[in-house]
Protein backbone atom coordinates (compact mmCIF):
# COMPACT_ATOMS: atom_id res chain seq x y z
CA MET A 1 80.23 74.86 88.55
CA ARG A 2 80.64 76.53 91.92
CA ILE A 3 81.43 75.96 95.58
CA ALA A 4 78.42 74.95 97.68
CA SER A 5 76.71 77.72 99.56
CA PHE A 6 77.83 76.29 102.88
CA LEU A 7 81.39 77.68 102.43
CA HIS A 8 81.14 79.66 105.64
CA THR A 9 80.85 76.45 107.64
CA LEU A 10 84.16 75.03 106.42
CA GLU A 11 86.87 74.49 109.00
CA PRO A 12 89.60 77.21 109.06
CA SER A 13 92.26 74.66 108.10
CA VAL A 14 90.82 74.23 104.60
CA SER A 15 93.31 75.79 102.18
CA ALA A 16 92.35 78.30 99.54
CA ALA A 17 93.34 75.82 96.84
CA ALA A 18 91.12 73.14 98.33
CA LEU A 19 88.35 75.69 98.64
CA TYR A 20 88.66 76.62 94.99
CA HIS A 21 88.81 73.08 93.64
CA ARG A 22 86.05 71.63 95.81
CA ARG A 23 83.30 72.10 93.26
CA VAL A 24 79.76 70.74 93.25
CA PRO A 25 77.28 70.41 90.37
CA THR A 26 74.68 73.10 89.84
CA LYS A 27 71.83 73.32 87.38
CA ASP A 28 71.61 77.09 87.10
CA ALA A 29 74.37 79.66 87.00
CA GLN A 30 74.28 81.94 90.01
CA SER A 31 73.86 85.67 89.37
CA VAL A 32 75.87 88.09 91.52
CA SER A 33 74.85 91.72 91.90
CA MET A 34 77.44 94.47 92.06
CA LEU A 35 75.62 95.74 95.15
CA ASP A 36 72.46 94.74 97.00
CA PHE A 37 71.02 97.52 99.19
CA SER A 38 68.23 95.31 100.51
CA ARG A 39 70.55 93.08 102.54
CA GLN A 40 71.86 95.92 104.68
CA PHE A 41 68.45 97.52 105.08
CA SER A 42 66.91 94.28 106.29
CA THR A 43 69.30 94.24 109.26
CA LEU A 44 68.73 97.91 110.16
CA ARG A 45 65.10 98.38 109.24
CA GLU A 46 63.70 99.10 112.70
CA GLU A 47 66.56 101.36 113.81
CA VAL A 48 66.45 103.37 110.60
CA LEU A 49 62.67 103.78 110.63
CA GLN A 50 62.77 104.86 114.26
CA ALA A 51 65.43 107.44 113.44
CA ILE A 52 63.37 108.79 110.55
CA GLU A 53 60.27 108.92 112.72
CA ALA A 54 62.18 110.91 115.35
CA VAL A 55 63.01 113.52 112.71
CA CYS A 56 59.39 113.65 111.57
CA VAL A 57 58.23 114.14 115.16
CA SER A 58 60.82 116.89 115.73
CA GLN A 59 59.64 118.77 112.60
CA LYS A 60 63.25 119.97 112.12
CA PHE A 61 64.08 118.80 108.63
CA ILE A 62 67.05 120.94 107.54
CA LEU A 63 70.19 121.19 109.71
CA GLY A 64 69.07 121.25 113.36
CA PRO A 65 69.89 118.82 116.20
CA HIS A 66 70.01 115.60 114.16
CA VAL A 67 72.52 117.11 111.75
CA GLU A 68 74.59 118.53 114.61
CA SER A 69 74.64 115.14 116.34
CA PHE A 70 75.82 113.38 113.19
CA GLU A 71 78.44 116.05 112.50
CA ARG A 72 79.94 115.49 115.95
CA ALA A 73 79.91 111.69 115.63
CA ALA A 74 81.37 111.71 112.11
CA ALA A 75 84.11 114.19 113.02
CA GLU A 76 85.07 112.06 116.00
CA ALA A 77 85.22 108.95 113.81
CA CYS A 78 87.56 110.83 111.46
CA GLY A 79 89.77 112.13 114.25
CA ALA A 80 88.83 115.67 113.26
CA GLU A 81 87.75 118.53 115.45
CA PHE A 82 84.99 119.75 113.14
CA GLY A 83 82.44 118.21 110.79
CA ILE A 84 80.23 120.27 108.48
CA GLY A 85 77.35 118.43 106.84
CA CYS A 86 76.33 119.42 103.33
CA ALA A 87 74.16 118.32 100.45
CA SER A 88 76.57 116.05 98.55
CA GLY A 89 80.14 114.89 98.19
CA THR A 90 80.55 117.25 95.25
CA ASP A 91 79.47 120.18 97.41
CA ALA A 92 81.84 118.98 100.13
CA LEU A 93 84.78 119.26 97.72
CA TRP A 94 83.75 122.76 96.73
CA LEU A 95 83.13 123.83 100.33
CA ALA A 96 86.49 122.50 101.51
CA MET A 97 88.40 124.37 98.82
CA ALA A 98 86.35 127.55 98.97
CA ALA A 99 86.65 127.66 102.76
CA ALA A 100 90.42 127.36 102.37
CA GLY A 101 90.41 130.43 100.15
CA ILE A 102 91.04 128.68 96.85
CA GLY A 103 89.59 130.74 94.02
CA PRO A 104 90.20 132.58 90.75
CA GLY A 105 93.84 132.77 89.77
CA ASP A 106 94.75 129.65 91.76
CA SER A 107 95.73 126.28 90.35
CA VAL A 108 95.08 122.96 92.07
CA ILE A 109 96.98 119.79 91.18
CA THR A 110 94.92 116.62 91.15
CA THR A 111 94.53 113.26 89.44
CA PRO A 112 92.98 112.63 86.03
CA PHE A 113 91.88 109.18 87.27
CA SER A 114 88.85 110.01 89.39
CA PHE A 115 85.17 110.84 89.26
CA PHE A 116 84.35 114.05 87.38
CA ALA A 117 83.51 115.99 90.56
CA THR A 118 87.16 116.05 91.57
CA ALA A 119 87.95 118.37 88.66
CA SER A 120 84.61 120.16 88.32
CA SER A 121 84.72 121.27 91.96
CA ILE A 122 88.05 123.00 91.32
CA LEU A 123 86.52 124.83 88.37
CA ARG A 124 83.47 125.73 90.46
CA CYS A 125 85.82 127.52 92.86
CA GLY A 126 87.10 129.54 89.93
CA ALA A 127 90.48 127.79 90.07
CA THR A 128 92.25 125.77 87.38
CA PRO A 129 92.89 122.01 87.60
CA ILE A 130 96.39 120.82 86.79
CA PHE A 131 96.58 117.08 86.28
CA ALA A 132 99.45 114.79 87.29
CA ASP A 133 99.75 111.08 86.60
CA ILE A 134 98.97 108.26 89.03
CA ASP A 135 100.96 105.59 90.80
CA PRO A 136 100.61 102.32 88.83
CA VAL A 137 100.17 100.19 91.97
CA SER A 138 97.72 102.14 94.14
CA PHE A 139 96.08 104.15 91.31
CA ASN A 140 96.36 107.19 93.59
CA LEU A 141 97.90 110.50 92.60
CA SER A 142 101.68 110.11 92.29
CA PRO A 143 103.67 112.48 94.54
CA GLU A 144 106.56 112.27 92.09
CA ALA A 145 104.28 113.35 89.25
CA VAL A 146 103.01 116.23 91.40
CA GLN A 147 106.57 117.35 92.03
CA SER A 148 107.21 117.31 88.28
CA ALA A 149 104.01 119.25 87.63
CA ILE A 150 105.12 121.93 90.09
CA GLN A 151 108.57 122.15 88.52
CA ASN A 152 107.19 122.28 84.96
CA ALA A 153 104.35 124.71 85.65
CA SER A 154 104.30 127.94 83.74
CA ALA A 155 105.43 131.11 85.49
CA ASP A 156 101.87 132.42 85.72
CA SER A 157 100.49 129.23 87.32
CA ARG A 158 99.79 130.01 90.96
CA ILE A 159 99.76 126.52 92.42
CA THR A 160 98.20 126.85 95.85
CA ALA A 161 96.82 123.40 96.60
CA VAL A 162 96.94 119.66 95.89
CA LEU A 163 93.81 117.54 95.89
CA PRO A 164 94.74 113.85 96.21
CA VAL A 165 91.95 111.27 95.95
CA HIS A 166 91.92 108.28 98.32
CA LEU A 167 90.84 106.07 95.44
CA TYR A 168 88.90 102.83 95.99
CA GLY A 169 89.23 103.22 99.78
CA GLN A 170 93.02 103.46 100.22
CA CYS A 171 94.68 106.69 101.33
CA ALA A 172 97.14 108.39 99.04
CA ASP A 173 100.80 108.53 100.14
CA TRP A 174 100.34 111.22 102.77
CA ASP A 175 103.95 111.08 103.94
CA ALA A 176 105.07 112.26 100.53
CA PHE A 177 102.30 114.83 100.18
CA THR A 178 103.09 116.31 103.58
CA THR A 179 106.70 116.73 102.43
CA LEU A 180 105.51 118.49 99.28
CA GLN A 181 103.24 120.71 101.36
CA HIS A 182 106.15 121.92 103.47
CA GLU A 183 108.47 122.37 100.51
CA HIS A 184 106.02 124.39 98.42
CA ASN A 185 103.68 125.97 100.98
CA LEU A 186 100.63 124.12 99.67
CA ILE A 187 97.12 123.55 100.96
CA LEU A 188 96.22 119.85 101.07
CA ILE A 189 92.58 118.87 100.55
CA GLU A 190 91.58 115.21 100.79
CA ASP A 191 89.06 113.86 98.33
CA ALA A 192 87.97 111.13 100.74
CA ALA A 193 84.65 110.38 99.04
CA GLN A 194 85.48 106.67 98.88
CA ALA A 195 87.47 106.37 102.09
CA PHE A 196 85.43 106.88 105.25
CA GLY A 197 87.17 104.72 107.86
CA ALA A 198 90.48 104.45 105.99
CA THR A 199 93.70 105.43 107.74
CA TRP A 200 97.29 106.35 106.92
CA ASN A 201 99.84 105.53 109.62
CA ASP A 202 96.83 105.06 111.93
CA ILE A 203 95.60 108.61 111.25
CA PRO A 204 92.06 108.57 109.83
CA ALA A 205 91.16 109.95 106.44
CA GLY A 206 89.50 113.25 107.20
CA SER A 207 92.20 114.50 109.54
CA LEU A 208 95.26 114.20 107.32
CA GLY A 209 94.99 117.43 105.33
CA ASP A 210 93.81 120.97 105.89
CA ALA A 211 90.31 119.74 105.09
CA ALA A 212 88.63 116.68 103.64
CA ALA A 213 85.49 115.98 101.63
CA PHE A 214 83.28 112.89 102.04
CA SER A 215 80.38 111.59 100.00
CA PHE A 216 77.50 109.56 101.42
CA TYR A 217 75.98 108.67 98.06
CA PRO A 218 74.01 105.39 98.44
CA THR A 219 76.82 103.23 97.00
CA LYS A 220 79.42 104.46 99.50
CA ASN A 221 80.66 102.44 102.51
CA LEU A 222 78.79 104.86 104.77
CA SER A 223 75.70 105.63 102.75
CA ALA A 224 72.66 107.86 102.98
CA PHE A 225 69.21 107.28 101.49
CA GLY A 226 69.99 109.97 98.93
CA ASP A 227 72.71 112.57 98.44
CA ALA A 228 74.71 113.85 101.41
CA GLY A 229 78.23 115.01 102.13
CA LEU A 230 80.59 116.17 104.86
CA VAL A 231 83.61 118.42 105.24
CA THR A 232 86.02 117.66 108.08
CA THR A 233 88.85 119.87 109.32
CA ASN A 234 90.93 120.68 112.36
CA ARG A 235 91.12 124.36 111.41
CA ALA A 236 88.57 126.61 113.10
CA ASP A 237 88.83 129.22 110.34
CA LEU A 238 87.91 126.67 107.66
CA GLU A 239 85.06 125.31 109.76
CA ASP A 240 83.57 128.76 110.28
CA ARG A 241 83.72 129.72 106.62
CA ALA A 242 82.41 126.36 105.40
CA ARG A 243 79.32 126.74 107.61
CA ILE A 244 78.70 130.20 106.20
CA LEU A 245 79.19 129.15 102.58
CA ARG A 246 76.81 126.19 102.81
CA ALA A 247 73.94 128.53 103.80
CA HIS A 248 74.08 131.32 101.20
CA GLY A 249 76.93 133.09 102.95
CA MET A 250 74.86 133.69 106.11
CA ARG A 251 76.03 133.61 109.68
CA VAL A 252 73.01 135.61 110.84
CA ARG A 253 69.68 135.00 109.11
CA TYR A 254 69.20 137.27 106.07
CA VAL A 255 72.64 138.84 106.55
CA HIS A 256 74.77 137.60 103.65
CA GLU A 257 78.45 138.17 104.32
CA GLU A 258 79.45 136.69 100.97
CA ILE A 259 77.97 134.73 98.08
CA GLY A 260 77.63 131.15 99.23
CA TRP A 261 75.39 128.32 98.12
CA ASN A 262 72.45 126.26 99.33
CA SER A 263 74.19 123.08 100.45
CA ARG A 264 72.54 122.16 103.73
CA LEU A 265 72.31 118.57 104.96
CA ASP A 266 68.77 117.44 105.69
CA SER A 267 67.97 115.88 109.03
CA ILE A 268 66.59 112.58 107.73
CA GLN A 269 69.85 111.82 105.93
CA ALA A 270 71.82 112.76 109.04
CA ALA A 271 69.69 110.51 111.25
CA VAL A 272 70.10 107.55 108.88
CA LEU A 273 73.85 108.13 108.64
CA GLU A 274 74.28 108.26 112.41
CA VAL A 275 72.56 104.87 112.73
CA LYS A 276 74.82 103.39 110.07
CA LEU A 277 77.96 104.98 111.48
CA ARG A 278 77.71 102.75 114.54
CA TYR A 279 78.03 99.67 112.34
CA LEU A 280 80.73 100.96 110.00
CA PRO A 281 83.78 99.38 111.74
CA GLU A 282 82.13 95.95 111.52
CA TRP A 283 81.18 96.50 107.88
CA THR A 284 84.69 97.66 107.05
CA GLN A 285 86.19 94.49 108.49
CA GLN A 286 83.72 92.43 106.47
CA ARG A 287 84.83 94.23 103.31
CA ARG A 288 88.46 93.56 104.17
CA ASP A 289 87.70 89.88 104.83
CA ARG A 290 85.96 89.55 101.49
CA ALA A 291 88.84 91.25 99.69
CA ALA A 292 91.20 88.76 101.33
CA LEU A 293 88.97 85.89 100.15
CA TYR A 294 89.12 87.20 96.57
CA ASP A 295 92.92 87.32 96.89
CA ARG A 296 93.13 83.73 98.14
CA LEU A 297 90.77 82.33 95.51
CA PHE A 298 92.42 84.15 92.61
CA THR A 299 95.80 82.90 93.80
CA ALA A 300 94.51 79.35 94.20
CA ALA A 301 93.08 79.49 90.68
CA GLY A 302 96.49 80.48 89.30
CA LEU A 303 95.18 83.79 88.03
CA ALA A 304 97.17 86.24 90.18
CA ALA A 305 100.20 87.66 88.39
CA ALA A 306 102.67 90.52 88.46
CA SER A 307 101.60 91.80 85.05
CA THR A 308 98.59 91.55 82.78
CA THR A 309 100.76 89.61 80.35
CA ASP A 310 100.62 86.66 82.73
CA GLY A 311 97.24 87.06 84.43
CA ILE A 312 95.31 89.54 86.52
CA ILE A 313 96.89 91.97 88.98
CA LEU A 314 95.27 91.98 92.39
CA PRO A 315 94.82 95.10 94.55
CA VAL A 316 97.85 96.01 96.67
CA THR A 317 97.53 97.56 100.12
CA ASP A 318 100.34 99.84 101.26
CA PRO A 319 101.58 98.65 104.69
CA ARG A 320 101.06 102.18 106.02
CA ALA A 321 97.40 102.15 104.97
CA HIS A 322 94.20 100.63 106.33
CA HIS A 323 92.27 99.91 103.13
CA VAL A 324 88.46 99.98 103.46
CA PHE A 325 87.83 98.44 100.02
CA HIS A 326 85.11 100.69 98.76
CA GLN A 327 85.94 98.84 95.57
CA TYR A 328 87.90 95.66 94.86
CA VAL A 329 89.65 96.53 91.60
CA ILE A 330 91.77 94.21 89.50
CA ARG A 331 93.83 94.91 86.40
CA ALA A 332 92.66 92.49 83.74
CA PRO A 333 93.92 91.59 80.25
CA ARG A 334 91.17 91.84 77.62
CA ARG A 335 89.15 93.73 80.22
CA ASP A 336 86.19 94.66 78.04
CA ALA A 337 85.73 91.10 76.77
CA LEU A 338 85.98 89.83 80.35
CA ARG A 339 83.33 92.27 81.48
CA GLN A 340 81.02 91.15 78.67
CA HIS A 341 81.59 87.55 79.75
CA LEU A 342 80.62 88.45 83.33
CA THR A 343 77.55 90.30 82.12
CA GLU A 344 76.44 87.23 80.19
CA ARG A 345 76.84 85.24 83.42
CA LYS A 346 74.71 87.89 85.20
CA ILE A 347 77.64 88.95 87.33
CA GLY A 348 77.98 92.64 88.10
CA SER A 349 81.13 94.66 87.49
CA GLU A 350 82.03 98.28 86.86
CA ILE A 351 84.84 100.36 85.37
CA TYR A 352 86.14 103.19 87.54
CA TYR A 353 87.05 105.04 85.28
CA PRO A 354 86.86 104.32 81.53
CA ILE A 355 87.61 107.86 80.30
CA PRO A 356 90.27 109.82 82.19
CA LEU A 357 89.40 113.39 83.09
CA HIS A 358 92.01 114.90 80.77
CA GLU A 359 90.21 113.23 77.84
CA GLN A 360 86.73 114.44 78.76
CA THR A 361 85.28 116.69 76.06
CA SER A 362 83.98 119.19 78.60
CA LEU A 363 87.53 119.72 79.91
CA ALA A 364 89.18 120.13 76.51
CA SER A 365 89.87 123.79 77.27
CA LEU A 366 92.49 122.69 79.81
CA GLY A 367 94.68 121.75 76.84
CA TYR A 368 95.51 118.13 77.58
CA LYS A 369 95.64 115.33 75.01
CA HIS A 370 95.85 111.57 74.82
CA GLY A 371 99.35 110.44 75.76
CA ASP A 372 99.90 113.08 78.43
CA PHE A 373 99.31 110.65 81.31
CA PRO A 374 100.27 107.15 80.15
CA VAL A 375 99.87 105.39 83.52
CA THR A 376 96.35 106.73 83.87
CA GLU A 377 95.48 105.86 80.29
CA GLN A 378 96.69 102.27 80.66
CA ALA A 379 94.76 101.87 83.91
CA ALA A 380 91.60 103.07 82.18
CA THR A 381 91.87 100.14 79.75
CA GLU A 382 92.56 97.49 82.42
CA VAL A 383 90.76 98.22 85.70
CA LEU A 384 87.65 96.28 86.64
CA ALA A 385 85.75 96.54 89.92
CA LEU A 386 84.18 93.31 91.15
CA PRO A 387 81.24 92.90 93.53
CA ILE A 388 82.20 93.67 97.13
CA TYR A 389 80.04 94.79 100.02
CA PRO A 390 79.68 93.61 103.63
CA GLU A 391 76.77 91.29 102.97
CA ILE A 392 78.08 89.53 99.86
CA ARG A 393 78.28 85.78 100.48
CA GLU A 394 81.37 83.61 100.12
CA ASP A 395 79.69 81.41 97.51
CA GLU A 396 78.95 84.53 95.43
CA ILE A 397 82.61 85.54 95.51
CA GLN A 398 83.49 82.00 94.48
CA THR A 399 81.07 82.31 91.55
CA VAL A 400 82.82 85.52 90.41
CA VAL A 401 86.28 83.94 90.59
CA GLU A 402 85.14 80.80 88.74
CA ALA A 403 83.56 82.88 85.97
CA ILE A 404 86.79 84.83 85.51
CA SER A 405 88.81 81.59 85.58
CA ASP A 406 86.54 80.12 82.92
CA PHE A 407 87.06 83.17 80.73
CA TYR A 408 90.84 82.95 80.80
CA ALA A 409 90.82 79.16 80.46
């Protein structure tokens, strides 16, 4: 059973409870994709194809004017003075840290509850990751845990930086991290891969720290037609060095000042991204509206709770933050069985992240073990991301909520 597909025509006065309980018969269960790229492309097709054609006509395919134009537009959107396009979000993390001088002998504190690139980029710089546990509400790196990690670090640990992740589209507690920066003379690098358009105290992600790294992987809120990334900064010294490092350490052609890497942004990706950037504020509001609808329907269904003993825990937005809902993530009891139930209903879902970084086999040399980060480890057994994107329909969200309600019934 599900709400009729004309939900969007209902008068605003209809309560969430009435919305949830107003069910109509249906012969076939409705499938709901985790993400549907075709819906967005259908609305932008002509603009995107024209932008790609302009690059083809220009015959400037790597860096060049289209990349420079996007860099300026993206930096402005982030409230940053500089934007440096690169080949991927992973490269952006490496570039941001390397440009800040982080390297062998340094240690960088970060979260074990993130995508692998957060830690591997630190290692690629030649530095050592030090993990600290997460906040149980936001899932972001806990400033209190970072403070403890600094205090408990060995005498030979040269902690030079902290790399908080703005997980799921909500900025980490930058007030607290700024305090830590001043107390311990730290470099702050934002892993903003999931947070383009997010803000903290009205300051955009990308201009909070010394530098920030963004990913434009196709699933991101601002997405390319392949891999692409961006570093933003307000520091001219970091901007200059990042540009050199992304092009084999060259400032002047064939003059290699240092050993860099090939991490140049191609012009077609930049052109596509600049088209999409113009629509991003509208898309962000649509994501926020759909997250609010999930909240209302889960509450109306009696599923929302303060602990997983009593139901599911809904996402919480810090009042200082503007959440862009890259993901809508609940904490769910019997998570794996619930996900199997959704799969059987042909409803998409995903787990970000099932295996914390400190338990990854490839990072065993860091010396961590199960039990070291209990908040992270519990989150890894409970979190479940549900379908959310600007074009998802209200009746599809209703289908997701009803399927979850049926499971717990």
